[in-house]
Each structure stands twice: as structure tokens, then as C-alpha cells.
Amino acid sequence: MRAGWIALAAGGLALAGCQSLPATGCLPPAQPMAAAELVFGRNIGDRLGVSEADFARFAGAQIAPRFPGFTVLDSVGQWRDPARGRLVREPGKLVMIAFPDRPEARAALADIAEAYKRQFLQQSVLVAVRPACVSF
């Protein structure tokens, strides 16, 4: 995950600078919003380095204050490590967030990704944002 998602994460983070997504034709009661998926690798080097408790603390400190409603799913990721020329598989966390599409919310997504990379020595965090019709 460390280097495998660099291209995808770069594209996702580049979206953080985009203006608001165009409104979609949502059917009531759904409202046009943005939906983000963030993928966090849990390996540090070749071993599991981010425990369930570590991730829960990170989510409580970094995600919840910015987005009080989100979903966390366990995931498994794969990428080709260019330095070693081999496939690397690792467990991860997929975080899904629906939010009103505003520049400050997109900046918060980038801040979360940067905080995770710093705290857990990751090269990348995948951030994908798309328009969505959302109802609660």
C-alpha cells in the first residue's frame, strides 16, 4: 500500500483542489453531496504496524472531529512495489464519508491523509471523491 496507491492517491488528492462537483439529478429525498473513500494501508514495512486500536485512536482524533458521520470497513489491498519488483498485499481500512461538497471539507480529507502518512510512516493514502445522491 505504501507506494502502490501513489498514482491513485495523487489523482484523488488532486481532486481536493477542484471546485464543487456539479449538482446531480437526485430523486427526493436524496440530496446532491460528495462521497469520499479513503484507503489506509496498515503495514509498516513488511509487517502489520497499525493495530485495530491504533486505527480507532487515529479515526477518533483525526476523522471524527472533521466528519462526525463515517463508515469504516476492513479491506485488503495489493500493489506492485517498484523498488522490489514484487506484489505486496496488506490489510487496510476503507473509510466512506458523505459530505456537502465545500472546499474546507476537501481540505479536511487531504489533512486526514497527510496526518496518517506522518503518524504511520506511509507513502500514500488513497483518496477518491465523487458526486453522489445521499439521503439519511
Foldseek 3Di string as FASTA:
>chain_A
DQCFCVVQQVVQLVCLPPAFDDFDDADPPWGKWKKKKKKFFQDDPQHRHQDPVNVVVLCVVQVCVLAVDKDKDKDKDWGQDPVVRHIHITIIIIIMGIGHDDSVSSVSVVVSFVVSCVVRVGNGMRMHMDMDTDDD
